[in-house]
Amino acid sequence: MTRNPSKRVPTRFRSWRKSELPVCEREYRDGDRMALAHAIAVCLKLGRAPPKWAADAYVAGYLDVMNYRADSWDHVFGPTTPKGKHVAVLRKQRRISFKVWSEVQQRHEAGAPLDDQLYEAVGQENGIGKTAVKEYFAAQKQAFERALPIIEREQSEAEKFSKDCNGQLEAAGRALEAGKPELARKLMNTVKRRLARYHGAGTPPKK
């Protein structure tokens, strides 16, 4: 079965979902230190504790900075601008790379071949050359394909979790109908604790 990334992934690869964290870990271990900064941002946005790899990496880097074993935070998160790159070029790339990828993908799905004519047409509409379009498209396509298995797994786990919680809620309803309020309360509290853990809020105190 051929996957269609344009219909199976979030509208932006750099999203604020739990599925980002395994991607960040892999990229960090491959040498991309900025992936640590993104992982921390995702956790803060979702209100959850960072995974162990991110916590360990940040604390180790923080101690290096505080003890003057490193002379800047670039040691922890990497440089904000990669060597040999210009900020203006990177800003433009970030602004239009997904738009370019989306336009190429949509035209290709409509029947246009992935060739220089297509890249040139999209490039003219966005004020860039066909080579840049080709590079942006390839980079976004690779990023989506790397993230897709993780996103699919997360969706599957979310569907199973939702089904399990709904089953317990239905059981609580049946318990109330059968005149068993204590059992219903226990089932409801179990669902509350599972929801809290799932959303990274910890386990609420038992009542």
N, C-alpha and C. Protein backbone atom coordinates (compact mmCIF):
# COMPACT_ATOMS: atom_id res chain seq x y z
N MET A 1 0.84 -1.20 0.00
CA MET A 1 0.00 0.00 0.00
C MET A 1 0.87 1.24 0.00
N THR A 2 0.58 2.17 -0.89
CA THR A 2 1.35 3.40 -0.98
C THR A 2 0.84 4.42 0.02
N ARG A 3 1.73 4.96 0.81
CA ARG A 3 1.34 5.96 1.79
C ARG A 3 1.23 7.32 1.13
N ASN A 4 0.33 8.11 1.62
CA ASN A 4 0.14 9.47 1.11
C ASN A 4 0.41 10.44 2.24
N PRO A 5 1.66 10.92 2.37
CA PRO A 5 2.03 11.78 3.50
C PRO A 5 1.17 13.01 3.64
N SER A 6 0.69 13.57 2.53
CA SER A 6 -0.06 14.82 2.62
C SER A 6 -1.38 14.64 3.36
N LYS A 7 -1.89 13.39 3.44
CA LYS A 7 -3.17 13.15 4.08
C LYS A 7 -3.03 12.39 5.40
N ARG A 8 -1.80 12.03 5.78
CA ARG A 8 -1.64 11.16 6.92
C ARG A 8 -0.82 11.78 8.04
N VAL A 9 -0.35 12.99 7.89
CA VAL A 9 0.51 13.61 8.89
C VAL A 9 -0.04 14.96 9.28
N PRO A 10 0.40 15.52 10.42
CA PRO A 10 -0.06 16.87 10.79
C PRO A 10 0.31 17.89 9.72
N THR A 11 -0.34 19.03 9.74
CA THR A 11 -0.10 20.04 8.72
C THR A 11 1.31 20.59 8.77
N ARG A 12 1.97 20.44 9.92
CA ARG A 12 3.38 20.85 10.00
C ARG A 12 4.15 19.74 10.70
N PHE A 13 5.32 19.43 10.17
CA PHE A 13 6.12 18.36 10.78
C PHE A 13 6.50 18.70 12.20
N ARG A 14 6.92 19.95 12.42
CA ARG A 14 7.30 20.36 13.76
C ARG A 14 6.04 20.72 14.54
N SER A 15 5.37 19.72 15.04
CA SER A 15 4.12 19.92 15.75
C SER A 15 4.37 19.89 17.26
N TRP A 16 3.28 19.95 18.02
CA TRP A 16 3.39 19.93 19.48
C TRP A 16 2.72 18.67 20.01
N ARG A 17 3.07 17.52 19.45
CA ARG A 17 2.48 16.25 19.82
C ARG A 17 3.52 15.35 20.49
N LYS A 18 3.02 14.40 21.27
CA LYS A 18 3.92 13.45 21.90
C LYS A 18 4.74 12.69 20.87
N SER A 19 4.19 12.52 19.67
CA SER A 19 4.90 11.79 18.62
C SER A 19 6.18 12.47 18.21
N GLU A 20 6.33 13.76 18.54
CA GLU A 20 7.57 14.48 18.24
C GLU A 20 8.75 13.96 19.06
N LEU A 21 8.48 13.50 20.29
CA LEU A 21 9.58 13.22 21.21
C LEU A 21 10.49 12.08 20.75
N PRO A 22 9.97 10.96 20.26
CA PRO A 22 10.90 9.94 19.73
C PRO A 22 11.70 10.42 18.54
N VAL A 23 11.08 11.28 17.70
CA VAL A 23 11.81 11.85 16.56
C VAL A 23 12.94 12.73 17.07
N CYS A 24 12.64 13.54 18.07
CA CYS A 24 13.67 14.42 18.64
C CYS A 24 14.82 13.59 19.22
N GLU A 25 14.48 12.51 19.91
CA GLU A 25 15.54 11.68 20.52
C GLU A 25 16.45 11.12 19.45
N ARG A 26 15.86 10.61 18.38
CA ARG A 26 16.67 10.04 17.31
C ARG A 26 17.57 11.10 16.68
N GLU A 27 17.00 12.28 16.42
CA GLU A 27 17.78 13.34 15.80
C GLU A 27 18.87 13.84 16.75
N TYR A 28 18.56 13.90 18.05
CA TYR A 28 19.57 14.35 19.02
C TYR A 28 20.74 13.36 19.06
N ARG A 29 20.43 12.08 19.07
CA ARG A 29 21.50 11.07 19.12
C ARG A 29 22.28 11.02 17.81
N ASP A 30 21.67 11.53 16.72
CA ASP A 30 22.37 11.63 15.44
C ASP A 30 23.20 12.90 15.33
N GLY A 31 23.18 13.73 16.39
CA GLY A 31 24.03 14.91 16.42
C GLY A 31 23.34 16.25 16.31
N ASP A 32 22.01 16.26 16.19
CA ASP A 32 21.27 17.52 16.08
C ASP A 32 20.89 17.99 17.49
N ARG A 33 21.70 18.88 18.07
CA ARG A 33 21.45 19.32 19.44
C ARG A 33 20.20 20.20 19.57
N MET A 34 19.81 20.85 18.48
CA MET A 34 18.60 21.66 18.52
C MET A 34 17.36 20.80 18.80
N ALA A 35 17.45 19.50 18.51
CA ALA A 35 16.33 18.60 18.78
C ALA A 35 16.02 18.55 20.28
N LEU A 36 17.05 18.77 21.11
CA LEU A 36 16.82 18.81 22.56
C LEU A 36 15.95 20.01 22.92
N ALA A 37 16.23 21.16 22.34
CA ALA A 37 15.44 22.36 22.60
C ALA A 37 13.99 22.14 22.18
N HIS A 38 13.80 21.49 21.04
CA HIS A 38 12.43 21.26 20.58
C HIS A 38 11.70 20.29 21.50
N ALA A 39 12.40 19.26 21.96
CA ALA A 39 11.77 18.29 22.85
C ALA A 39 11.31 18.97 24.15
N ILE A 40 12.14 19.84 24.69
CA ILE A 40 11.78 20.55 25.92
C ILE A 40 10.57 21.45 25.65
N ALA A 41 10.56 22.12 24.50
CA ALA A 41 9.44 23.00 24.16
C ALA A 41 8.14 22.20 24.03
N VAL A 42 8.21 21.02 23.42
CA VAL A 42 7.02 20.18 23.28
C VAL A 42 6.48 19.79 24.66
N CYS A 43 7.39 19.37 25.54
CA CYS A 43 6.96 18.96 26.89
C CYS A 43 6.32 20.12 27.65
N LEU A 44 6.92 21.30 27.54
CA LEU A 44 6.35 22.47 28.21
C LEU A 44 4.98 22.82 27.64
N LYS A 45 4.85 22.73 26.33
CA LYS A 45 3.57 23.04 25.68
C LYS A 45 2.49 22.06 26.11
N LEU A 46 2.86 20.78 26.26
CA LEU A 46 1.89 19.75 26.63
C LEU A 46 1.72 19.63 28.14
N GLY A 47 2.54 20.34 28.91
CA GLY A 47 2.44 20.27 30.36
C GLY A 47 2.85 18.93 30.92
N ARG A 48 3.91 18.33 30.37
CA ARG A 48 4.36 17.02 30.83
C ARG A 48 5.85 17.06 31.10
N ALA A 49 6.30 16.10 31.91
CA ALA A 49 7.73 16.03 32.22
C ALA A 49 8.50 15.56 30.99
N PRO A 50 9.74 16.04 30.81
CA PRO A 50 10.52 15.60 29.66
C PRO A 50 10.92 14.13 29.81
N PRO A 51 11.12 13.43 28.70
CA PRO A 51 11.61 12.05 28.79
C PRO A 51 13.01 12.03 29.40
N LYS A 52 13.41 10.87 29.89
CA LYS A 52 14.68 10.76 30.61
C LYS A 52 15.86 11.21 29.76
N TRP A 53 15.88 10.85 28.48
CA TRP A 53 17.03 11.23 27.65
C TRP A 53 17.18 12.74 27.58
N ALA A 54 16.04 13.47 27.46
CA ALA A 54 16.09 14.92 27.36
C ALA A 54 16.48 15.55 28.69
N ALA A 55 15.93 15.03 29.78
CA ALA A 55 16.28 15.56 31.10
C ALA A 55 17.77 15.36 31.39
N ASP A 56 18.27 14.17 31.09
CA ASP A 56 19.69 13.89 31.33
C ASP A 56 20.59 14.78 30.48
N ALA A 57 20.21 14.95 29.20
CA ALA A 57 21.03 15.76 28.30
C ALA A 57 21.03 17.22 28.74
N TYR A 58 19.87 17.74 29.13
CA TYR A 58 19.81 19.13 29.56
C TYR A 58 20.60 19.37 30.83
N VAL A 59 20.44 18.49 31.83
CA VAL A 59 21.15 18.66 33.10
C VAL A 59 22.65 18.59 32.89
N ALA A 60 23.10 17.64 32.06
CA ALA A 60 24.54 17.52 31.80
C ALA A 60 25.07 18.78 31.13
N GLY A 61 24.32 19.30 30.15
CA GLY A 61 24.75 20.53 29.49
C GLY A 61 24.71 21.72 30.41
N TYR A 62 23.68 21.80 31.23
CA TYR A 62 23.55 22.90 32.19
C TYR A 62 24.75 22.92 33.14
N LEU A 63 25.13 21.75 33.64
CA LEU A 63 26.27 21.68 34.56
C LEU A 63 27.57 22.09 33.86
N ASP A 64 27.71 21.73 32.59
CA ASP A 64 28.90 22.14 31.84
C ASP A 64 28.96 23.66 31.73
N VAL A 65 27.81 24.29 31.47
CA VAL A 65 27.77 25.75 31.35
C VAL A 65 28.03 26.41 32.69
N MET A 66 27.36 25.94 33.73
CA MET A 66 27.48 26.54 35.06
C MET A 66 28.89 26.37 35.66
N ASN A 67 29.57 25.30 35.27
CA ASN A 67 30.92 25.05 35.79
C ASN A 67 32.01 25.48 34.79
N TYR A 68 31.60 26.26 33.78
CA TYR A 68 32.52 26.85 32.81
C TYR A 68 33.33 25.81 32.04
N ARG A 69 32.73 24.63 31.87
CA ARG A 69 33.35 23.65 30.98
C ARG A 69 32.91 23.91 29.53
N ALA A 70 31.90 24.79 29.39
CA ALA A 70 31.43 25.22 28.07
C ALA A 70 31.30 26.73 28.10
N ASP A 71 31.57 27.38 26.99
CA ASP A 71 31.58 28.84 26.98
C ASP A 71 30.28 29.46 26.46
N SER A 72 29.29 28.64 26.09
CA SER A 72 28.00 29.19 25.66
C SER A 72 26.95 28.08 25.67
N TRP A 73 25.69 28.51 25.52
CA TRP A 73 24.59 27.54 25.47
C TRP A 73 24.55 26.81 24.14
N ASP A 74 25.36 27.24 23.18
CA ASP A 74 25.46 26.47 21.95
C ASP A 74 25.94 25.05 22.24
N HIS A 75 26.71 24.90 23.30
CA HIS A 75 27.20 23.59 23.70
C HIS A 75 26.03 22.67 24.02
N VAL A 76 24.92 23.21 24.51
CA VAL A 76 23.77 22.40 24.91
C VAL A 76 22.78 22.23 23.76
N PHE A 77 22.43 23.35 23.10
CA PHE A 77 21.38 23.32 22.11
C PHE A 77 21.87 23.46 20.67
N GLY A 78 23.16 23.68 20.50
CA GLY A 78 23.69 23.86 19.17
C GLY A 78 23.53 25.30 18.71
N PRO A 79 24.23 25.71 17.68
CA PRO A 79 24.13 27.09 17.19
C PRO A 79 22.76 27.37 16.59
N THR A 80 22.27 28.60 16.77
CA THR A 80 20.97 28.95 16.20
C THR A 80 21.03 29.01 14.68
N THR A 81 22.19 29.31 14.14
CA THR A 81 22.37 29.35 12.69
C THR A 81 23.48 28.37 12.30
N PRO A 82 23.18 27.34 11.52
CA PRO A 82 24.22 26.38 11.12
C PRO A 82 25.37 27.07 10.40
N LYS A 83 26.56 26.50 10.56
CA LYS A 83 27.74 27.07 9.93
C LYS A 83 27.57 27.13 8.41
N GLY A 84 27.92 28.29 7.85
CA GLY A 84 27.84 28.45 6.41
C GLY A 84 26.47 28.86 5.89
N LYS A 85 25.49 29.01 6.80
CA LYS A 85 24.15 29.40 6.39
C LYS A 85 23.89 30.85 6.77
N HIS A 86 23.00 31.50 6.05
CA HIS A 86 22.63 32.89 6.32
C HIS A 86 21.22 32.94 6.90
N VAL A 87 21.05 33.79 7.91
CA VAL A 87 19.77 33.87 8.60
C VAL A 87 18.63 34.19 7.63
N ALA A 88 18.85 35.13 6.72
CA ALA A 88 17.79 35.53 5.79
C ALA A 88 17.36 34.36 4.92
N VAL A 89 18.33 33.56 4.48
CA VAL A 89 18.01 32.41 3.64
C VAL A 89 17.23 31.37 4.44
N LEU A 90 17.67 31.11 5.67
CA LEU A 90 16.98 30.14 6.51
C LEU A 90 15.57 30.60 6.87
N ARG A 91 15.41 31.91 7.11
CA ARG A 91 14.10 32.46 7.44
C ARG A 91 13.13 32.24 6.28
N LYS A 92 13.61 32.52 5.07
CA LYS A 92 12.77 32.33 3.88
C LYS A 92 12.43 30.86 3.69
N GLN A 93 13.42 30.00 3.90
CA GLN A 93 13.19 28.57 3.74
C GLN A 93 12.15 28.08 4.74
N ARG A 94 12.26 28.50 5.98
CA ARG A 94 11.30 28.08 7.00
C ARG A 94 9.90 28.58 6.67
N ARG A 95 9.83 29.79 6.09
CA ARG A 95 8.53 30.40 5.82
C ARG A 95 7.79 29.70 4.69
N ILE A 96 8.51 29.25 3.66
CA ILE A 96 7.81 28.74 2.48
C ILE A 96 8.05 27.26 2.18
N SER A 97 8.93 26.58 2.94
CA SER A 97 9.26 25.20 2.56
C SER A 97 8.05 24.29 2.60
N PHE A 98 7.22 24.41 3.64
CA PHE A 98 6.04 23.54 3.69
C PHE A 98 5.05 23.90 2.59
N LYS A 99 4.89 25.20 2.34
CA LYS A 99 3.98 25.65 1.28
C LYS A 99 4.42 25.08 -0.06
N VAL A 100 5.73 25.11 -0.32
CA VAL A 100 6.26 24.57 -1.57
C VAL A 100 6.00 23.07 -1.64
N TRP A 101 6.30 22.37 -0.56
CA TRP A 101 6.08 20.92 -0.53
C TRP A 101 4.62 20.59 -0.81
N SER A 102 3.71 21.33 -0.16
CA SER A 102 2.28 21.08 -0.30
C SER A 102 1.82 21.30 -1.74
N GLU A 103 2.30 22.37 -2.36
CA GLU A 103 1.89 22.66 -3.74
C GLU A 103 2.41 21.59 -4.70
N VAL A 104 3.65 21.19 -4.52
CA VAL A 104 4.21 20.14 -5.39
C VAL A 104 3.43 18.84 -5.18
N GLN A 105 3.17 18.48 -3.93
CA GLN A 105 2.48 17.24 -3.62
C GLN A 105 1.07 17.23 -4.21
N GLN A 106 0.36 18.33 -4.06
CA GLN A 106 -1.01 18.40 -4.57
C GLN A 106 -1.05 18.27 -6.10
N ARG A 107 -0.13 18.92 -6.77
CA ARG A 107 -0.10 18.85 -8.23
C ARG A 107 0.31 17.45 -8.71
N HIS A 108 1.22 16.85 -7.95
CA HIS A 108 1.63 15.48 -8.30
C HIS A 108 0.47 14.51 -8.11
N GLU A 109 -0.29 14.67 -7.04
CA GLU A 109 -1.45 13.80 -6.82
C GLU A 109 -2.52 14.02 -7.88
N ALA A 110 -2.54 15.22 -8.44
CA ALA A 110 -3.51 15.52 -9.51
C ALA A 110 -3.06 14.98 -10.86
N GLY A 111 -1.85 14.43 -10.93
CA GLY A 111 -1.38 13.81 -12.17
C GLY A 111 -0.11 14.37 -12.76
N ALA A 112 0.40 15.48 -12.21
CA ALA A 112 1.63 16.07 -12.76
C ALA A 112 2.84 15.23 -12.36
N PRO A 113 3.76 14.97 -13.29
CA PRO A 113 4.96 14.21 -12.93
C PRO A 113 5.92 15.06 -12.09
N LEU A 114 6.70 14.40 -11.26
CA LEU A 114 7.71 15.11 -10.46
C LEU A 114 8.92 15.36 -11.35
N ASP A 115 8.89 16.45 -12.06
CA ASP A 115 9.99 16.76 -12.98
C ASP A 115 10.34 18.24 -12.86
N ASP A 116 11.35 18.64 -13.63
CA ASP A 116 11.81 20.02 -13.57
C ASP A 116 10.73 21.02 -13.95
N GLN A 117 9.82 20.63 -14.84
CA GLN A 117 8.75 21.54 -15.25
C GLN A 117 7.85 21.88 -14.06
N LEU A 118 7.54 20.86 -13.26
CA LEU A 118 6.70 21.09 -12.08
C LEU A 118 7.44 21.94 -11.06
N TYR A 119 8.69 21.60 -10.79
CA TYR A 119 9.47 22.35 -9.81
C TYR A 119 9.62 23.82 -10.25
N GLU A 120 9.83 24.01 -11.53
CA GLU A 120 10.01 25.38 -12.03
C GLU A 120 8.72 26.19 -11.90
N ALA A 121 7.58 25.55 -12.19
CA ALA A 121 6.29 26.24 -12.11
C ALA A 121 6.00 26.67 -10.68
N VAL A 122 6.22 25.76 -9.73
CA VAL A 122 5.99 26.09 -8.32
C VAL A 122 7.00 27.14 -7.85
N GLY A 123 8.22 27.04 -8.31
CA GLY A 123 9.24 28.00 -7.93
C GLY A 123 8.92 29.41 -8.40
N GLN A 124 8.43 29.54 -9.63
CA GLN A 124 8.09 30.86 -10.16
C GLN A 124 6.98 31.51 -9.34
N GLU A 125 6.04 30.72 -8.87
CA GLU A 125 4.93 31.26 -8.08
C GLU A 125 5.37 31.68 -6.69
N ASN A 126 6.50 31.14 -6.24
CA ASN A 126 6.97 31.43 -4.88
C ASN A 126 8.27 32.23 -4.86
N GLY A 127 8.72 32.66 -6.01
CA GLY A 127 9.89 33.51 -6.07
C GLY A 127 11.21 32.81 -5.79
N ILE A 128 11.30 31.52 -6.10
CA ILE A 128 12.54 30.77 -5.91
C ILE A 128 12.81 29.92 -7.15
N GLY A 129 14.02 29.39 -7.25
CA GLY A 129 14.39 28.57 -8.38
C GLY A 129 13.93 27.13 -8.24
N LYS A 130 13.95 26.41 -9.36
CA LYS A 130 13.49 25.02 -9.33
C LYS A 130 14.39 24.13 -8.47
N THR A 131 15.69 24.48 -8.39
CA THR A 131 16.59 23.69 -7.55
C THR A 131 16.21 23.81 -6.09
N ALA A 132 15.87 25.02 -5.66
CA ALA A 132 15.44 25.22 -4.28
C ALA A 132 14.14 24.48 -4.00
N VAL A 133 13.20 24.52 -4.96
CA VAL A 133 11.94 23.79 -4.80
C VAL A 133 12.21 22.30 -4.62
N LYS A 134 13.09 21.78 -5.44
CA LYS A 134 13.42 20.36 -5.37
C LYS A 134 14.02 20.01 -4.01
N GLU A 135 14.89 20.86 -3.51
CA GLU A 135 15.52 20.62 -2.21
C GLU A 135 14.50 20.71 -1.07
N TYR A 136 13.64 21.74 -1.11
CA TYR A 136 12.63 21.90 -0.07
C TYR A 136 11.68 20.70 -0.07
N PHE A 137 11.27 20.28 -1.24
CA PHE A 137 10.33 19.17 -1.37
C PHE A 137 10.95 17.88 -0.81
N ALA A 138 12.20 17.62 -1.19
CA ALA A 138 12.87 16.40 -0.74
C ALA A 138 13.04 16.40 0.78
N ALA A 139 13.41 17.55 1.36
CA ALA A 139 13.63 17.63 2.80
C ALA A 139 12.33 17.42 3.56
N GLN A 140 11.25 18.07 3.13
CA GLN A 140 9.96 17.90 3.81
C GLN A 140 9.44 16.48 3.67
N LYS A 141 9.58 15.90 2.49
CA LYS A 141 9.13 14.53 2.24
C LYS A 141 9.86 13.55 3.16
N GLN A 142 11.16 13.73 3.28
CA GLN A 142 11.94 12.85 4.15
C GLN A 142 11.52 13.01 5.61
N ALA A 143 11.30 14.25 6.04
CA ALA A 143 10.89 14.49 7.42
C ALA A 143 9.54 13.84 7.72
N PHE A 144 8.59 13.98 6.81
CA PHE A 144 7.26 13.39 7.02
C PHE A 144 7.34 11.87 7.06
N GLU A 145 8.12 11.30 6.17
CA GLU A 145 8.21 9.84 6.11
C GLU A 145 8.88 9.28 7.37
N ARG A 146 9.82 10.02 7.94
CA ARG A 146 10.46 9.57 9.17
C ARG A 146 9.49 9.64 10.35
N ALA A 147 8.63 10.65 10.33
CA ALA A 147 7.70 10.82 11.45
C ALA A 147 6.46 9.94 11.34
N LEU A 148 6.11 9.52 10.14
CA LEU A 148 4.85 8.83 9.91
C LEU A 148 4.66 7.57 10.76
N PRO A 149 5.64 6.66 10.86
CA PRO A 149 5.41 5.46 11.68
C PRO A 149 5.13 5.80 13.15
N ILE A 150 5.79 6.82 13.67
CA ILE A 150 5.58 7.21 15.05
C ILE A 150 4.19 7.79 15.23
N ILE A 151 3.76 8.62 14.30
CA ILE A 151 2.43 9.22 14.37
C ILE A 151 1.36 8.14 14.26
N GLU A 152 1.56 7.18 13.36
CA GLU A 152 0.58 6.10 13.20
C GLU A 152 0.49 5.27 14.48
N ARG A 153 1.63 5.00 15.10
CA ARG A 153 1.61 4.23 16.35
C ARG A 153 0.88 4.99 17.45
N GLU A 154 1.15 6.32 17.53
CA GLU A 154 0.48 7.13 18.54
C GLU A 154 -1.03 7.15 18.31
N GLN A 155 -1.45 7.24 17.06
CA GLN A 155 -2.88 7.24 16.76
C GLN A 155 -3.53 5.92 17.16
N SER A 156 -2.81 4.82 16.90
CA SER A 156 -3.33 3.51 17.28
C SER A 156 -3.46 3.38 18.80
N GLU A 157 -2.43 3.85 19.51
CA GLU A 157 -2.47 3.79 20.97
C GLU A 157 -3.59 4.67 21.53
N ALA A 158 -3.79 5.83 20.91
CA ALA A 158 -4.85 6.74 21.37
C ALA A 158 -6.22 6.11 21.16
N GLU A 159 -6.41 5.43 20.03
CA GLU A 159 -7.69 4.78 19.75
C GLU A 159 -7.96 3.66 20.77
N LYS A 160 -6.92 2.88 21.09
CA LYS A 160 -7.09 1.81 22.08
C LYS A 160 -7.38 2.39 23.46
N PHE A 161 -6.67 3.45 23.81
CA PHE A 161 -6.87 4.09 25.11
C PHE A 161 -8.30 4.61 25.22
N SER A 162 -8.78 5.28 24.17
CA SER A 162 -10.13 5.82 24.17
C SER A 162 -11.16 4.70 24.30
N LYS A 163 -10.95 3.60 23.61
CA LYS A 163 -11.87 2.48 23.67
C LYS A 163 -11.91 1.89 25.08
N ASP A 164 -10.73 1.75 25.71
CA ASP A 164 -10.67 1.20 27.07
C ASP A 164 -11.39 2.11 28.07
N CYS A 165 -11.14 3.42 27.96
CA CYS A 165 -11.78 4.37 28.89
C CYS A 165 -13.29 4.39 28.70
N ASN A 166 -13.75 4.35 27.44
CA ASN A 166 -15.19 4.32 27.19
C ASN A 166 -15.82 3.06 27.77
N GLY A 167 -15.08 1.94 27.69
CA GLY A 167 -15.59 0.70 28.27
C GLY A 167 -15.76 0.81 29.77
N GLN A 168 -14.79 1.46 30.44
CA GLN A 168 -14.90 1.61 31.89
C GLN A 168 -16.01 2.59 32.27
N LEU A 169 -16.21 3.62 31.47
CA LEU A 169 -17.31 4.56 31.73
C LEU A 169 -18.66 3.88 31.56
N GLU A 170 -18.78 3.02 30.54
CA GLU A 170 -20.02 2.29 30.36
C GLU A 170 -20.26 1.33 31.52
N ALA A 171 -19.17 0.73 32.01
CA ALA A 171 -19.29 -0.17 33.16
C ALA A 171 -19.74 0.60 34.40
N ALA A 172 -19.23 1.83 34.55
CA ALA A 172 -19.65 2.67 35.68
C ALA A 172 -21.13 3.00 35.58
N GLY A 173 -21.60 3.27 34.37
CA GLY A 173 -23.03 3.54 34.18
C GLY A 173 -23.88 2.34 34.53
N ARG A 174 -23.42 1.16 34.14
CA ARG A 174 -24.17 -0.05 34.48
C ARG A 174 -24.18 -0.29 35.99
N ALA A 175 -23.04 0.03 36.63
CA ALA A 175 -22.97 -0.14 38.08
C ALA A 175 -23.96 0.78 38.79
N LEU A 176 -24.10 2.01 38.30
CA LEU A 176 -25.07 2.93 38.90
C LEU A 176 -26.50 2.41 38.71
N GLU A 177 -26.80 1.91 37.52
CA GLU A 177 -28.13 1.38 37.26
C GLU A 177 -28.43 0.17 38.14
N ALA A 178 -27.37 -0.58 38.50
CA ALA A 178 -27.55 -1.77 39.33
C ALA A 178 -27.52 -1.44 40.82
N GLY A 179 -27.44 -0.15 41.16
CA GLY A 179 -27.44 0.25 42.56
C GLY A 179 -26.11 -0.02 43.25
N LYS A 180 -25.01 0.13 42.50
CA LYS A 180 -23.67 -0.08 43.07
C LYS A 180 -22.84 1.19 42.90
N PRO A 181 -23.17 2.25 43.64
CA PRO A 181 -22.46 3.53 43.48
C PRO A 181 -20.98 3.46 43.84
N GLU A 182 -20.62 2.61 44.80
CA GLU A 182 -19.21 2.52 45.20
C GLU A 182 -18.37 1.96 44.05
N LEU A 183 -18.88 0.95 43.37
CA LEU A 183 -18.16 0.39 42.23
C LEU A 183 -18.07 1.42 41.10
N ALA A 184 -19.17 2.16 40.89
CA ALA A 184 -19.16 3.19 39.85
C ALA A 184 -18.13 4.26 40.16
N ARG A 185 -18.02 4.66 41.42
CA ARG A 185 -17.05 5.68 41.82
C ARG A 185 -15.62 5.19 41.58
N LYS A 186 -15.36 3.93 41.90
CA LYS A 186 -14.01 3.38 41.70
C LYS A 186 -13.66 3.36 40.21
N LEU A 187 -14.61 2.98 39.39
CA LEU A 187 -14.36 2.95 37.95
C LEU A 187 -14.10 4.36 37.40
N MET A 188 -14.89 5.33 37.87
CA MET A 188 -14.69 6.71 37.43
C MET A 188 -13.33 7.24 37.85
N ASN A 189 -12.91 6.95 39.08
CA ASN A 189 -11.61 7.41 39.55
C ASN A 189 -10.47 6.76 38.76
N THR A 190 -10.67 5.50 38.37
CA THR A 190 -9.66 4.82 37.56
C THR A 190 -9.50 5.53 36.21
N VAL A 191 -10.62 5.91 35.61
CA VAL A 191 -10.57 6.63 34.33
C VAL A 191 -9.88 7.97 34.51
N LYS A 192 -10.18 8.68 35.61
CA LYS A 192 -9.56 9.98 35.86
C LYS A 192 -8.04 9.84 35.99
N ARG A 193 -7.59 8.82 36.71
CA ARG A 193 -6.14 8.63 36.89
C ARG A 193 -5.47 8.28 35.56
N ARG A 194 -6.13 7.46 34.76
CA ARG A 194 -5.56 7.08 33.47
C ARG A 194 -5.47 8.29 32.54
N LEU A 195 -6.50 9.12 32.56
CA LEU A 195 -6.48 10.33 31.73
C LEU A 195 -5.37 11.27 32.16
N ALA A 196 -5.18 11.40 33.49
CA ALA A 196 -4.13 12.29 33.99
C ALA A 196 -2.76 11.79 33.57
N ARG A 197 -2.54 10.49 33.68
CA ARG A 197 -1.24 9.93 33.27
C ARG A 197 -1.04 10.08 31.77
N TYR A 198 -2.10 9.85 31.01
CA TYR A 198 -2.00 9.92 29.54
C TYR A 198 -1.63 11.32 29.08
N HIS A 199 -2.18 12.32 29.75
CA HIS A 199 -1.91 13.70 29.37
C HIS A 199 -0.72 14.31 30.12
N GLY A 200 0.01 13.47 30.87
CA GLY A 200 1.24 13.93 31.49
C GLY A 200 1.04 14.77 32.72
N ALA A 201 -0.13 14.70 33.36
CA ALA A 201 -0.39 15.52 34.53
C ALA A 201 -0.13 14.77 35.84
N GLY A 202 0.43 13.57 35.72
CA GLY A 202 0.69 12.81 36.93
C GLY A 202 -0.56 12.09 37.39
N THR A 203 -0.49 11.46 38.52
CA THR A 203 -1.62 10.71 39.06
C THR A 203 -2.30 11.50 40.16
N PRO A 204 -3.59 11.82 40.01
CA PRO A 204 -4.27 12.58 41.05
C PRO A 204 -4.40 11.75 42.31
N PRO A 205 -4.48 12.39 43.48
CA PRO A 205 -4.61 11.64 44.72
C PRO A 205 -5.90 10.85 44.76
N LYS A 206 -5.85 9.68 45.38
CA LYS A 206 -7.05 8.87 45.52
C LYS A 206 -7.99 9.52 46.51
N LYS A 207 -9.26 9.41 46.24
CA LYS A 207 -10.27 9.96 47.11
C LYS A 207 -11.00 8.84 47.84
